[in-house]
Amino acid sequence: MSLAAFLLALGTTCRITRFITKDTLAAGFRTWVADHFGDDSRPTYLVNCGWCTSTWVAAAMAVYASLLHTTAWFHLPATALTLSYLAGVASRWLD
């Protein structure tokens, strides 16, 4: 895998992890997990912990990137998600 593909996989992992653990749009999912498994359950902890969630997102991303890193099926969504993550970071830093 090239350095560019690795960096896109990294950015994608960061964005998906942030979406699951912090984004308002995923709050309903986190609430559903807590309601279904309990507030003190491991699944609830998982969807609220960036370190924990990133392990699983990174594992899935590694498989996805290793299989498709030379195709548009990887590059287009990975680029969009990486740019989204970087825009969010820049916005927080610049504001």
PDB file of N, CA and C in Angstrom:
ATOM      1  N   MET A   1       0.853  -1.172   0.000  1.00  0.00           N
ATOM      2  CA  MET A   1       0.000   0.000   0.000  1.00  0.00           C
ATOM      3  C   MET A   1       0.900   1.237   0.000  1.00  0.00           C
ATOM      4  N   SER A   2       0.514   2.235  -0.758  1.00  0.00           N
ATOM      5  CA  SER A   2       1.299   3.463  -0.866  1.00  0.00           C
ATOM      6  C   SER A   2       1.103   4.343   0.373  1.00  0.00           C
ATOM      7  N   LEU A   3       1.979   5.318   0.518  1.00  0.00           N
ATOM      8  CA  LEU A   3       1.855   6.274   1.617  1.00  0.00           C
ATOM      9  C   LEU A   3       0.553   7.065   1.481  1.00  0.00           C
ATOM     10  N   ALA A   4       0.196   7.438   0.269  1.00  0.00           N
ATOM     11  CA  ALA A   4      -1.046   8.178   0.048  1.00  0.00           C
ATOM     12  C   ALA A   4      -2.257   7.365   0.497  1.00  0.00           C
ATOM     13  N   ALA A   5      -2.287   6.081   0.153  1.00  0.00           N
ATOM     14  CA  ALA A   5      -3.401   5.220   0.565  1.00  0.00           C
ATOM     15  C   ALA A   5      -3.436   5.075   2.085  1.00  0.00           C
ATOM     16  N   PHE A   6      -2.265   4.955   2.692  1.00  0.00           N
ATOM     17  CA  PHE A   6      -2.195   4.862   4.155  1.00  0.00           C
ATOM     18  C   PHE A   6      -2.761   6.125   4.803  1.00  0.00           C
ATOM     19  N   LEU A   7      -2.358   7.287   4.292  1.00  0.00           N
ATOM     20  CA  LEU A   7      -2.832   8.550   4.861  1.00  0.00           C
ATOM     21  C   LEU A   7      -4.338   8.732   4.661  1.00  0.00           C
ATOM     22  N   LEU A   8      -4.850   8.297   3.529  1.00  0.00           N
ATOM     23  CA  LEU A   8      -6.303   8.345   3.313  1.00  0.00           C
ATOM     24  C   LEU A   8      -7.024   7.393   4.263  1.00  0.00           C
ATOM     25  N   ALA A   9      -6.460   6.221   4.490  1.00  0.00           N
ATOM     26  CA  ALA A   9      -7.057   5.275   5.437  1.00  0.00           C
ATOM     27  C   ALA A   9      -7.030   5.854   6.848  1.00  0.00           C
ATOM     28  N   LEU A  10      -5.955   6.533   7.193  1.00  0.00           N
ATOM     29  CA  LEU A  10      -5.852   7.177   8.503  1.00  0.00           C
ATOM     30  C   LEU A  10      -6.918   8.265   8.660  1.00  0.00           C
ATOM     31  N   GLY A  11      -7.028   9.129   7.668  1.00  0.00           N
ATOM     32  CA  GLY A  11      -8.029  10.190   7.731  1.00  0.00           C
ATOM     33  C   GLY A  11      -9.439   9.648   7.792  1.00  0.00           C
ATOM     34  N   THR A  12      -9.700   8.600   7.049  1.00  0.00           N
ATOM     35  CA  THR A  12     -11.017   7.963   7.056  1.00  0.00           C
ATOM     36  C   THR A  12     -11.314   7.357   8.423  1.00  0.00           C
ATOM     37  N   THR A  13     -10.327   6.703   9.004  1.00  0.00           N
ATOM     38  CA  THR A  13     -10.486   6.123  10.337  1.00  0.00           C
ATOM     39  C   THR A  13     -10.802   7.213  11.356  1.00  0.00           C
ATOM     40  N   CYS A  14     -10.091   8.315  11.282  1.00  0.00           N
ATOM     41  CA  CYS A  14     -10.335   9.434  12.203  1.00  0.00           C
ATOM     42  C   CYS A  14     -11.751   9.973  12.048  1.00  0.00           C
ATOM     43  N   ARG A  15     -12.192  10.159  10.810  1.00  0.00           N
ATOM     44  CA  ARG A  15     -13.520  10.753  10.582  1.00  0.00           C
ATOM     45  C   ARG A  15     -14.644   9.822  11.006  1.00  0.00           C
ATOM     46  N   ILE A  16     -14.543   8.550  10.649  1.00  0.00           N
ATOM     47  CA  ILE A  16     -15.597   7.601  11.026  1.00  0.00           C
ATOM     48  C   ILE A  16     -15.648   7.445  12.544  1.00  0.00           C
ATOM     49  N   THR A  17     -14.490   7.377  13.180  1.00  0.00           N
ATOM     50  CA  THR A  17     -14.439   7.267  14.639  1.00  0.00           C
ATOM     51  C   THR A  17     -15.082   8.474  15.292  1.00  0.00           C
ATOM     52  N   ARG A  18     -14.742   9.645  14.803  1.00  0.00           N
ATOM     53  CA  ARG A  18     -15.317  10.884  15.343  1.00  0.00           C
ATOM     54  C   ARG A  18     -16.836  10.901  15.148  1.00  0.00           C
ATOM     55  N   PHE A  19     -17.284  10.473  13.972  1.00  0.00           N
ATOM     56  CA  PHE A  19     -18.721  10.430  13.699  1.00  0.00           C
ATOM     57  C   PHE A  19     -19.441   9.527  14.701  1.00  0.00           C
ATOM     58  N   ILE A  20     -18.926   8.333  14.904  1.00  0.00           N
ATOM     59  CA  ILE A  20     -19.583   7.374  15.801  1.00  0.00           C
ATOM     60  C   ILE A  20     -19.582   7.865  17.243  1.00  0.00           C
ATOM     61  N   THR A  21     -18.458   8.388  17.708  1.00  0.00           N
ATOM     62  CA  THR A  21     -18.317   8.687  19.136  1.00  0.00           C
ATOM     63  C   THR A  21     -18.742  10.086  19.551  1.00  0.00           C
ATOM     64  N   LYS A  22     -18.767  11.045  18.624  1.00  0.00           N
ATOM     65  CA  LYS A  22     -19.011  12.431  19.028  1.00  0.00           C
ATOM     66  C   LYS A  22     -20.083  13.173  18.236  1.00  0.00           C
ATOM     67  N   ASP A  23     -20.326  12.801  17.012  1.00  0.00           N
ATOM     68  CA  ASP A  23     -21.190  13.588  16.130  1.00  0.00           C
ATOM     69  C   ASP A  23     -22.646  13.543  16.590  1.00  0.00           C
ATOM     70  N   THR A  24     -23.308  14.690  16.513  1.00  0.00           N
ATOM     71  CA  THR A  24     -24.717  14.796  16.877  1.00  0.00           C
ATOM     72  C   THR A  24     -25.586  13.869  16.039  1.00  0.00           C
ATOM     73  N   LEU A  25     -25.229  13.701  14.763  1.00  0.00           N
ATOM     74  CA  LEU A  25     -26.021  12.831  13.891  1.00  0.00           C
ATOM     75  C   LEU A  25     -26.005  11.373  14.329  1.00  0.00           C
ATOM     76  N   ALA A  26     -24.990  10.959  15.063  1.00  0.00           N
ATOM     77  CA  ALA A  26     -24.915   9.577  15.551  1.00  0.00           C
ATOM     78  C   ALA A  26     -25.378   9.452  16.998  1.00  0.00           C
ATOM     79  N   ALA A  27     -25.866  10.543  17.582  1.00  0.00           N
ATOM     80  CA  ALA A  27     -26.315  10.502  18.975  1.00  0.00           C
ATOM     81  C   ALA A  27     -27.446   9.494  19.178  1.00  0.00           C
ATOM     82  N   GLY A  28     -28.345   9.408  18.204  1.00  0.00           N
ATOM     83  CA  GLY A  28     -29.436   8.441  18.305  1.00  0.00           C
ATOM     84  C   GLY A  28     -28.918   7.012  18.351  1.00  0.00           C
ATOM     85  N   PHE A  29     -27.882   6.727  17.576  1.00  0.00           N
ATOM     86  CA  PHE A  29     -27.278   5.394  17.598  1.00  0.00           C
ATOM     87  C   PHE A  29     -26.663   5.108  18.968  1.00  0.00           C
ATOM     88  N   ARG A  30     -25.924   6.079  19.508  1.00  0.00           N
ATOM     89  CA  ARG A  30     -25.308   5.882  20.829  1.00  0.00           C
ATOM     90  C   ARG A  30     -26.377   5.700  21.902  1.00  0.00           C
ATOM     91  N   THR A  31     -27.463   6.455  21.796  1.00  0.00           N
ATOM     92  CA  THR A  31     -28.571   6.308  22.750  1.00  0.00           C
ATOM     93  C   THR A  31     -29.221   4.942  22.615  1.00  0.00           C
ATOM     94  N   TRP A  32     -29.411   4.497  21.391  1.00  0.00           N
ATOM     95  CA  TRP A  32     -29.998   3.170  21.168  1.00  0.00           C
ATOM     96  C   TRP A  32     -29.128   2.082  21.797  1.00  0.00           C
ATOM     97  N   VAL A  33     -27.824   2.183  21.615  1.00  0.00           N
ATOM     98  CA  VAL A  33     -26.908   1.196  22.203  1.00  0.00           C
ATOM     99  C   VAL A  33     -27.038   1.217  23.727  1.00  0.00           C
ATOM    100  N   ALA A  34     -27.056   2.411  24.318  1.00  0.00           N
ATOM    101  CA  ALA A  34     -27.187   2.514  25.782  1.00  0.00           C
ATOM    102  C   ALA A  34     -28.525   1.972  26.262  1.00  0.00           C
ATOM    103  N   ASP A  35     -29.594   2.269  25.532  1.00  0.00           N
ATOM    104  CA  ASP A  35     -30.927   1.767  25.913  1.00  0.00           C
ATOM    105  C   ASP A  35     -31.008   0.256  25.777  1.00  0.00           C
ATOM    106  N   HIS A  36     -30.375  -0.269  24.741  1.00  0.00           N
ATOM    107  CA  HIS A  36     -30.449  -1.704  24.465  1.00  0.00           C
ATOM    108  C   HIS A  36     -29.550  -2.532  25.386  1.00  0.00           C
ATOM    109  N   PHE A  37     -28.337  -2.029  25.672  1.00  0.00           N
ATOM    110  CA  PHE A  37     -27.357  -2.806  26.435  1.00  0.00           C
ATOM    111  C   PHE A  37     -27.127  -2.294  27.855  1.00  0.00           C
ATOM    112  N   GLY A  38     -27.602  -1.108  28.162  1.00  0.00           N
ATOM    113  CA  GLY A  38     -27.391  -0.516  29.485  1.00  0.00           C
ATOM    114  C   GLY A  38     -26.284   0.528  29.459  1.00  0.00           C
ATOM    115  N   ASP A  39     -26.443   1.525  30.325  1.00  0.00           N
ATOM    116  CA  ASP A  39     -25.490   2.635  30.354  1.00  0.00           C
ATOM    117  C   ASP A  39     -24.068   2.219  30.713  1.00  0.00           C
ATOM    118  N   ASP A  40     -23.922   1.196  31.528  1.00  0.00           N
ATOM    119  CA  ASP A  40     -22.594   0.773  31.972  1.00  0.00           C
ATOM    120  C   ASP A  40     -22.061  -0.440  31.218  1.00  0.00           C
ATOM    121  N   SER A  41     -22.666  -0.742  30.079  1.00  0.00           N
ATOM    122  CA  SER A  41     -22.252  -1.930  29.318  1.00  0.00           C
ATOM    123  C   SER A  41     -21.016  -1.659  28.468  1.00  0.00           C
ATOM    124  N   ARG A  42     -20.369  -2.711  28.062  1.00  0.00           N
ATOM    125  CA  ARG A  42     -19.207  -2.594  27.177  1.00  0.00           C
ATOM    126  C   ARG A  42     -19.571  -2.038  25.802  1.00  0.00           C
ATOM    127  N   PRO A  43     -20.680  -2.466  25.193  1.00  0.00           N
ATOM    128  CA  PRO A  43     -21.049  -1.854  23.906  1.00  0.00           C
ATOM    129  C   PRO A  43     -21.268  -0.341  24.007  1.00  0.00           C
ATOM    130  N   THR A  44     -21.885   0.113  25.102  1.00  0.00           N
ATOM    131  CA  THR A  44     -22.091   1.545  25.284  1.00  0.00           C
ATOM    132  C   THR A  44     -20.761   2.258  25.448  1.00  0.00           C
ATOM    133  N   TYR A  45     -19.877   1.673  26.226  1.00  0.00           N
ATOM    134  CA  TYR A  45     -18.535   2.248  26.383  1.00  0.00           C
ATOM    135  C   TYR A  45     -17.826   2.307  25.034  1.00  0.00           C
ATOM    136  N   LEU A  46     -17.949   1.254  24.255  1.00  0.00           N
ATOM    137  CA  LEU A  46     -17.293   1.184  22.950  1.00  0.00           C
ATOM    138  C   LEU A  46     -17.709   2.330  22.038  1.00  0.00           C
ATOM    139  N   VAL A  47     -19.000   2.614  21.939  1.00  0.00           N
ATOM    140  CA  VAL A  47     -19.461   3.645  21.001  1.00  0.00           C
ATOM    141  C   VAL A  47     -19.257   5.063  21.526  1.00  0.00           C
ATOM    142  N   ASN A  48     -18.789   5.187  22.760  1.00  0.00           N
ATOM    143  CA  ASN A  48     -18.489   6.496  23.327  1.00  0.00           C
ATOM    144  C   ASN A  48     -17.000   6.738  23.527  1.00  0.00           C
ATOM    145  N   CYS A  49     -16.184   5.740  23.287  1.00  0.00           N
ATOM    146  CA  CYS A  49     -14.736   5.826  23.507  1.00  0.00           C
ATOM    147  C   CYS A  49     -14.012   5.887  22.160  1.00  0.00           C
ATOM    148  N   GLY A  50     -13.373   7.016  21.879  1.00  0.00           N
ATOM    149  CA  GLY A  50     -12.650   7.168  20.618  1.00  0.00           C
ATOM    150  C   GLY A  50     -11.522   6.170  20.446  1.00  0.00           C
ATOM    151  N   TRP A  51     -10.799   5.902  21.525  1.00  0.00           N
ATOM    152  CA  TRP A  51      -9.697   4.932  21.440  1.00  0.00           C
ATOM    153  C   TRP A  51     -10.230   3.539  21.103  1.00  0.00           C
ATOM    154  N   CYS A  52     -11.319   3.172  21.752  1.00  0.00           N
ATOM    155  CA  CYS A  52     -11.886   1.829  21.553  1.00  0.00           C
ATOM    156  C   CYS A  52     -12.480   1.683  20.149  1.00  0.00           C
ATOM    157  N   THR A  53     -13.288   2.644  19.767  1.00  0.00           N
ATOM    158  CA  THR A  53     -13.940   2.596  18.466  1.00  0.00           C
ATOM    159  C   THR A  53     -12.915   2.621  17.341  1.00  0.00           C
ATOM    160  N   SER A  54     -11.867   3.431  17.495  1.00  0.00           N
ATOM    161  CA  SER A  54     -10.870   3.544  16.422  1.00  0.00           C
ATOM    162  C   SER A  54     -10.165   2.223  16.143  1.00  0.00           C
ATOM    163  N   THR A  55     -10.033   1.372  17.145  1.00  0.00           N
ATOM    164  CA  THR A  55      -9.404   0.056  16.927  1.00  0.00           C
ATOM    165  C   THR A  55     -10.195  -0.745  15.911  1.00  0.00           C
ATOM    166  N   TRP A  56     -11.515  -0.762  16.080  1.00  0.00           N
ATOM    167  CA  TRP A  56     -12.368  -1.544  15.189  1.00  0.00           C
ATOM    168  C   TRP A  56     -12.542  -0.884  13.835  1.00  0.00           C
ATOM    169  N   VAL A  57     -12.650   0.428  13.828  1.00  0.00           N
ATOM    170  CA  VAL A  57     -12.750   1.147  12.556  1.00  0.00           C
ATOM    171  C   VAL A  57     -11.454   0.975  11.769  1.00  0.00           C
ATOM    172  N   ALA A  58     -10.314   1.071  12.453  1.00  0.00           N
ATOM    173  CA  ALA A  58      -9.020   0.910  11.783  1.00  0.00           C
ATOM    174  C   ALA A  58      -8.853  -0.503  11.226  1.00  0.00           C
ATOM    175  N   ALA A  59      -9.311  -1.506  11.956  1.00  0.00           N
ATOM    176  CA  ALA A  59      -9.215  -2.882  11.462  1.00  0.00           C
ATOM    177  C   ALA A  59     -10.032  -3.047  10.178  1.00  0.00           C
ATOM    178  N   ALA A  60     -11.254  -2.534  10.188  1.00  0.00           N
ATOM    179  CA  ALA A  60     -12.097  -2.607   8.987  1.00  0.00           C
ATOM    180  C   ALA A  60     -11.478  -1.800   7.852  1.00  0.00           C
ATOM    181  N   MET A  61     -10.944  -0.636   8.168  1.00  0.00           N
ATOM    182  CA  MET A  61     -10.328   0.221   7.155  1.00  0.00           C
ATOM    183  C   MET A  61      -9.079  -0.436   6.566  1.00  0.00           C
ATOM    184  N   ALA A  62      -8.317  -1.124   7.385  1.00  0.00           N
ATOM    185  CA  ALA A  62      -7.118  -1.808   6.898  1.00  0.00           C
ATOM    186  C   ALA A  62      -7.481  -2.883   5.878  1.00  0.00           C
ATOM    187  N   VAL A  63      -8.525  -3.636   6.163  1.00  0.00           N
ATOM    188  CA  VAL A  63      -8.976  -4.659   5.215  1.00  0.00           C
ATOM    189  C   VAL A  63      -9.471  -4.007   3.935  1.00  0.00           C
ATOM    190  N   TYR A  64     -10.328  -2.998   4.076  1.00  0.00           N
ATOM    191  CA  TYR A  64     -10.891  -2.285   2.930  1.00  0.00           C
ATOM    192  C   TYR A  64      -9.781  -1.675   2.075  1.00  0.00           C
ATOM    193  N   ALA A  65      -8.831  -1.010   2.710  1.00  0.00           N
ATOM    194  CA  ALA A  65      -7.743  -0.354   1.984  1.00  0.00           C
ATOM    195  C   ALA A  65      -6.827  -1.373   1.319  1.00  0.00           C
ATOM    196  N   SER A  66      -6.551  -2.461   2.003  1.00  0.00           N
ATOM    197  CA  SER A  66      -5.650  -3.458   1.415  1.00  0.00           C
ATOM    198  C   SER A  66      -6.265  -4.118   0.186  1.00  0.00           C
ATOM    199  N   LEU A  67      -7.576  -4.234   0.157  1.00  0.00           N
ATOM    200  CA  LEU A  67      -8.242  -4.854  -0.983  1.00  0.00           C
ATOM    201  C   LEU A  67      -8.489  -3.887  -2.135  1.00  0.00           C
ATOM    202  N   LEU A  68      -8.758  -2.626  -1.815  1.00  0.00           N
ATOM    203  CA  LEU A  68      -9.215  -1.692  -2.846  1.00  0.00           C
ATOM    204  C   LEU A  68      -8.359  -0.439  -2.992  1.00  0.00           C
ATOM    205  N   HIS A  69      -7.172  -0.401  -2.416  1.00  0.00           N
ATOM    206  CA  HIS A  69      -6.384   0.831  -2.372  1.00  0.00           C
ATOM    207  C   HIS A  69      -6.005   1.402  -3.737  1.00  0.00           C
ATOM    208  N   THR A  70      -6.105   0.633  -4.776  1.00  0.00           N
ATOM    209  CA  THR A  70      -5.761   1.137  -6.110  1.00  0.00           C
ATOM    210  C   THR A  70      -6.991   1.510  -6.936  1.00  0.00           C
ATOM    211  N   THR A  71      -8.167   1.462  -6.337  1.00  0.00           N
ATOM    212  CA  THR A  71      -9.399   1.705  -7.097  1.00  0.00           C
ATOM    213  C   THR A  71     -10.102   2.978  -6.637  1.00  0.00           C
ATOM    214  N   ALA A  72     -10.986   3.467  -7.478  1.00  0.00           N
ATOM    215  CA  ALA A  72     -11.809   4.623  -7.120  1.00  0.00           C
ATOM    216  C   ALA A  72     -12.757   4.292  -5.971  1.00  0.00           C
ATOM    217  N   TRP A  73     -13.100   3.015  -5.800  1.00  0.00           N
ATOM    218  CA  TRP A  73     -13.972   2.604  -4.696  1.00  0.00           C
ATOM    219  C   TRP A  73     -13.321   2.893  -3.352  1.00  0.00           C
ATOM    220  N   PHE A  74     -12.018   2.966  -3.319  1.00  0.00           N
ATOM    221  CA  PHE A  74     -11.302   3.367  -2.110  1.00  0.00           C
ATOM    222  C   PHE A  74     -11.039   4.869  -2.114  1.00  0.00           C
ATOM    223  N   HIS A  75     -10.462   5.375  -3.191  1.00  0.00           N
ATOM    224  CA  HIS A  75      -9.975   6.753  -3.222  1.00  0.00           C
ATOM    225  C   HIS A  75     -11.069   7.806  -3.065  1.00  0.00           C
ATOM    226  N   LEU A  76     -12.189   7.650  -3.708  1.00  0.00           N
ATOM    227  CA  LEU A  76     -13.232   8.675  -3.633  1.00  0.00           C
ATOM    228  C   LEU A  76     -13.822   8.827  -2.226  1.00  0.00           C
ATOM    229  N   PRO A  77     -14.326   7.758  -1.605  1.00  0.00           N
ATOM    230  CA  PRO A  77     -14.869   7.951  -0.254  1.00  0.00           C
ATOM    231  C   PRO A  77     -13.784   8.279   0.768  1.00  0.00           C
ATOM    232  N   ALA A  78     -12.604   7.681   0.623  1.00  0.00           N
ATOM    233  CA  ALA A  78     -11.529   7.953   1.579  1.00  0.00           C
ATOM    234  C   ALA A  78     -11.065   9.398   1.490  1.00  0.00           C
ATOM    235  N   THR A  79     -10.983   9.932   0.287  1.00  0.00           N
ATOM    236  CA  THR A  79     -10.602  11.333   0.119  1.00  0.00           C
ATOM    237  C   THR A  79     -11.659  12.249   0.723  1.00  0.00           C
ATOM    238  N   ALA A  80     -12.924  11.983   0.452  1.00  0.00           N
ATOM    239  CA  ALA A  80     -14.009  12.820   0.988  1.00  0.00           C
ATOM    240  C   ALA A  80     -14.012  12.793   2.519  1.00  0.00           C
ATOM    241  N   LEU A  81     -13.876  11.613   3.105  1.00  0.00           N
ATOM    242  CA  LEU A  81     -13.894  11.507   4.566  1.00  0.00           C
ATOM    243  C   LEU A  81     -12.660  12.145   5.191  1.00  0.00           C
ATOM    244  N   THR A  82     -11.509  11.989   4.556  1.00  0.00           N
ATOM    245  CA  THR A  82     -10.281  12.605   5.063  1.00  0.00           C
ATOM    246  C   THR A  82     -10.376  14.123   4.987  1.00  0.00           C
ATOM    247  N   LEU A  83     -10.862  14.643   3.875  1.00  0.00           N
ATOM    248  CA  LEU A  83     -11.029  16.088   3.756  1.00  0.00           C
ATOM    249  C   LEU A  83     -12.040  16.615   4.773  1.00  0.00           C
ATOM    250  N   SER A  84     -13.096  15.870   5.011  1.00  0.00           N
ATOM    251  CA  SER A  84     -14.079  16.254   6.012  1.00  0.00           C
ATOM    252  C   SER A  84     -13.436  16.332   7.391  1.00  0.00           C
ATOM    253  N   TYR A  85     -12.646  15.344   7.726  1.00  0.00           N
ATOM    254  CA  TYR A  85     -11.967  15.341   9.024  1.00  0.00           C
ATOM    255  C   TYR A  85     -11.012  16.522   9.139  1.00  0.00           C
ATOM    256  N   LEU A  86     -10.209  16.743   8.098  1.00  0.00           N
ATOM    257  CA  LEU A  86      -9.250  17.842   8.129  1.00  0.00           C
ATOM    258  C   LEU A  86      -9.943  19.198   8.197  1.00  0.00           C
ATOM    259  N   ALA A  87     -11.068  19.340   7.531  1.00  0.00           N
ATOM    260  CA  ALA A  87     -11.834  20.590   7.609  1.00  0.00           C
ATOM    261  C   ALA A  87     -12.339  20.820   9.026  1.00  0.00           C
ATOM    262  N   GLY A  88     -12.791  19.765   9.674  1.00  0.00           N
ATOM    263  CA  GLY A  88     -13.240  19.890  11.061  1.00  0.00           C
ATOM    264  C   GLY A  88     -12.120  20.280  11.997  1.00  0.00           C
ATOM    265  N   VAL A  89     -10.970  19.661  11.832  1.00  0.00           N
ATOM    266  CA  VAL A  89      -9.799  19.998  12.644  1.00  0.00           C
ATOM    267  C   VAL A  89      -9.384  21.442  12.388  1.00  0.00           C
ATOM    268  N   ALA A  90      -9.319  21.833  11.132  1.00  0.00           N
ATOM    269  CA  ALA A  90      -8.928  23.199  10.781  1.00  0.00           C
ATOM    270  C   ALA A  90      -9.923  24.210  11.346  1.00  0.00           C
ATOM    271  N   SER A  91     -11.194  23.888  11.287  1.00  0.00           N
ATOM    272  CA  SER A  91     -12.221  24.789  11.788  1.00  0.00           C
ATOM    273  C   SER A  91     -12.053  25.022  13.281  1.00  0.00           C
ATOM    274  N   ARG A  92     -11.801  23.963  14.017  1.00  0.00           N
ATOM    275  CA  ARG A  92     -11.605  24.101  15.463  1.00  0.00           C
ATOM    276  C   ARG A  92     -10.337  24.890  15.764  1.00  0.00           C
ATOM    277  N   TRP A  93      -9.296  24.666  14.989  1.00  0.00           N
ATOM    278  CA  TRP A  93      -8.026  25.319  15.218  1.00  0.00           C
ATOM    279  C   TRP A  93      -8.080  26.796  14.839  1.00  0.00           C
ATOM    280  N   LEU A  94      -8.781  27.112  13.766  1.00  0.00           N
ATOM    281  CA  LEU A  94      -8.825  28.479  13.256  1.00  0.00           C
ATOM    282  C   LEU A  94      -9.863  29.353  13.957  1.00  0.00           C
ATOM    283  N   ASP A  95     -10.891  28.737  14.526  1.00  0.00           N
ATOM    284  CA  ASP A  95     -11.967  29.528  15.160  1.00  0.00           C
ATOM    285  C   ASP A  95     -11.624  29.972  16.546  1.00  0.00           C
TER     286      ASP A  95
END
